[in-house]
Amino acid sequence: MRTVYLQPPNQADPPSPYRTGEAGRIWLSEAGGLETDVRVQLSANSTHALIGHGVVEELNQLPLEGRLGEGHQVVLPPAVLDAAARVFSEADRNTYGGSWEFVAGVVASPQPAEYRLRIDNREYQVTLARLRYLLSMASREGHAAWLRI
């Protein structure tokens, strides 16, 4: 089986099986409907770091509206924003003093290959800071947030 690495690890639109995501706010419009925006783009580097370090699974332990990791938009209600921000703060501790590499996927045909990604810790740190800021601002404004991975 050959091993394939994503180059560069934080490219905007990586090929499958590499995954990306995004995050933003949710609020009620004046007409009473839900509106959303996108505030944070998650590169393959940050997405696979969140998955590989167990952050996605830890977030899934919170009372979210949906399950992260399935490619759908998942709502983080206002009541969980502070707890989710703490998860991102704790995740930041994994970014110092280590090198990380995660399997993004395995393809059996036409030629067996394992797709891997070496984590760029600096880019991941910036993403974690952006996610914490997004949740903090959503909480202050009385909004919910959403995350898709």
Protein backbone atom coordinates (compact mmCIF):
# COMPACT_ATOMS: atom_id res chain seq x y z
CA MET A 1 0.00 0.00 0.00
CA ARG A 2 1.38 3.38 -0.93
CA THR A 3 1.18 6.39 1.38
CA VAL A 4 0.03 9.75 -0.01
CA TYR A 5 0.46 13.05 1.87
CA LEU A 6 -1.61 16.17 1.23
CA GLN A 7 0.66 18.90 -0.13
CA PRO A 8 0.31 21.66 1.02
CA PRO A 9 -1.59 20.54 4.12
CA ASN A 10 -3.78 23.65 4.34
CA GLN A 11 -4.87 23.98 0.71
CA ALA A 12 -8.36 25.39 0.20
CA ASP A 13 -10.05 22.59 -1.77
CA PRO A 14 -8.24 19.30 -1.17
CA PRO A 15 -9.13 16.12 -3.04
CA SER A 16 -11.10 13.29 -1.44
CA PRO A 17 -10.63 11.64 1.07
CA TYR A 18 -9.31 14.80 2.75
CA ARG A 19 -12.05 16.66 4.60
CA THR A 20 -12.73 20.31 5.32
CA GLY A 21 -15.39 22.19 7.27
CA GLU A 22 -16.70 25.56 8.30
CA ALA A 23 -18.36 27.34 11.20
CA GLY A 24 -20.54 30.37 11.79
CA ARG A 25 -23.35 31.96 13.74
CA ILE A 26 -27.12 31.38 13.76
CA TRP A 27 -29.65 34.02 14.73
CA LEU A 28 -33.32 34.89 14.33
CA SER A 29 -34.04 37.38 11.57
CA GLU A 30 -36.52 40.23 12.01
CA ALA A 31 -39.02 38.12 10.04
CA GLY A 32 -38.65 35.28 12.56
CA GLY A 33 -36.62 32.91 10.37
CA LEU A 34 -33.17 31.54 11.04
CA GLU A 35 -30.19 33.16 9.38
CA THR A 36 -26.60 31.92 9.28
CA ASP A 37 -23.22 33.17 8.23
CA VAL A 38 -19.82 31.59 7.71
CA ARG A 39 -17.09 33.01 9.95
CA VAL A 40 -14.42 30.28 9.97
CA GLN A 41 -13.25 28.08 7.12
CA LEU A 42 -11.69 24.82 8.33
CA SER A 43 -8.82 23.61 6.18
CA ALA A 44 -8.11 19.91 5.78
CA ASN A 45 -5.22 20.47 8.19
CA SER A 46 -7.44 21.83 10.96
CA THR A 47 -10.34 19.47 10.22
CA HIS A 48 -8.15 16.37 10.49
CA ALA A 49 -6.43 17.76 13.59
CA LEU A 50 -9.85 18.26 15.22
CA ILE A 51 -10.82 14.70 14.32
CA GLY A 52 -7.45 13.08 15.09
CA HIS A 53 -6.96 14.77 18.45
CA GLY A 54 -10.45 13.71 19.56
CA VAL A 55 -11.90 17.23 19.66
CA VAL A 56 -14.84 16.30 17.43
CA GLU A 57 -15.69 13.35 19.66
CA GLU A 58 -15.42 15.51 22.77
CA LEU A 59 -17.73 18.11 21.25
CA ASN A 60 -20.18 15.33 20.38
CA GLN A 61 -20.48 14.63 24.12
CA LEU A 62 -22.14 18.04 24.51
CA PRO A 63 -25.89 18.48 23.89
CA LEU A 64 -25.53 19.56 20.25
CA GLU A 65 -28.29 19.51 17.67
CA GLY A 66 -26.76 16.91 15.37
CA ARG A 67 -23.55 14.89 15.30
CA LEU A 68 -20.24 16.34 14.15
CA GLY A 69 -18.11 14.40 11.69
CA GLU A 70 -20.87 13.40 9.29
CA GLY A 71 -20.61 16.42 6.99
CA HIS A 72 -23.79 18.13 8.18
CA GLN A 73 -24.30 21.53 9.77
CA VAL A 74 -24.57 20.95 13.55
CA VAL A 75 -26.07 23.57 15.85
CA LEU A 76 -24.29 24.56 19.05
CA PRO A 77 -27.08 26.12 21.14
CA PRO A 78 -26.26 29.16 23.28
CA ALA A 79 -26.23 26.99 26.42
CA VAL A 80 -23.23 24.95 25.17
CA LEU A 81 -21.09 27.71 23.67
CA ASP A 82 -18.95 28.21 26.78
CA ALA A 83 -18.36 24.47 27.20
CA ALA A 84 -17.45 24.13 23.51
CA ALA A 85 -15.04 27.07 23.78
CA ARG A 86 -13.34 25.27 26.70
CA VAL A 87 -12.96 22.18 24.51
CA PHE A 88 -11.15 24.30 21.91
CA SER A 89 -8.96 25.88 24.61
CA GLU A 90 -7.98 22.43 25.91
CA ALA A 91 -7.28 21.29 22.34
CA ASP A 92 -4.77 24.10 21.98
CA ARG A 93 -2.56 22.32 24.52
CA ASN A 94 -1.96 19.53 21.99
CA THR A 95 -0.38 21.97 19.57
CA TYR A 96 2.84 22.58 21.50
CA GLY A 97 5.96 20.46 21.46
CA GLY A 98 4.82 17.67 19.19
CA SER A 99 4.49 16.57 15.60
CA TRP A 100 1.21 15.03 14.59
CA GLU A 101 0.18 12.97 11.62
CA PHE A 102 -3.25 11.47 10.97
CA VAL A 103 -4.78 9.11 8.44
CA ALA A 104 -7.37 10.93 6.34
CA GLY A 105 -8.62 7.82 4.58
CA VAL A 106 -7.76 4.58 2.85
CA VAL A 107 -8.63 3.77 -0.75
CA ALA A 108 -8.66 0.13 -1.90
CA SER A 109 -8.89 0.59 -5.67
CA PRO A 110 -7.70 1.13 -8.29
CA GLN A 111 -4.42 1.11 -6.36
CA PRO A 112 -4.44 0.69 -2.54
CA ALA A 113 -3.36 3.90 -0.85
CA GLU A 114 -3.40 5.42 2.62
CA TYR A 115 -3.94 9.17 2.62
CA ARG A 116 -2.22 10.98 5.48
CA LEU A 117 -1.72 14.51 6.65
CA ARG A 118 1.10 16.01 8.72
CA ILE A 119 -0.47 18.66 10.94
CA ASP A 120 0.73 22.24 10.63
CA ASN A 121 0.37 23.19 14.31
CA ARG A 122 0.54 26.93 13.72
CA GLU A 123 -2.37 26.91 11.26
CA TYR A 124 -4.34 24.67 13.64
CA GLN A 125 -3.65 27.07 16.55
CA VAL A 126 -5.00 29.98 14.51
CA THR A 127 -8.14 27.98 13.67
CA LEU A 128 -8.71 27.08 17.33
CA ALA A 129 -8.39 30.76 18.26
CA ARG A 130 -10.88 31.72 15.55
CA LEU A 131 -13.34 29.07 16.73
CA ARG A 132 -13.05 30.28 20.35
CA TYR A 133 -13.61 33.87 19.22
CA LEU A 134 -16.63 32.85 17.12
CA LEU A 135 -18.24 31.07 20.08
CA SER A 136 -17.45 33.94 22.43
CA MET A 137 -18.98 36.52 20.10
CA ALA A 138 -22.05 34.36 19.41
CA SER A 139 -22.57 33.97 23.16
CA ARG A 140 -22.22 37.71 23.81
CA GLU A 141 -24.68 38.51 21.03
CA GLY A 142 -27.21 35.91 22.22
CA HIS A 143 -26.79 33.80 19.09
CA ALA A 144 -26.18 30.11 18.54
CA ALA A 145 -23.32 28.79 16.45
CA TRP A 146 -22.95 25.99 13.93
CA LEU A 147 -20.12 23.76 12.83
CA ARG A 148 -19.81 21.42 9.85
CA ILE A 149 -17.18 18.70 9.67
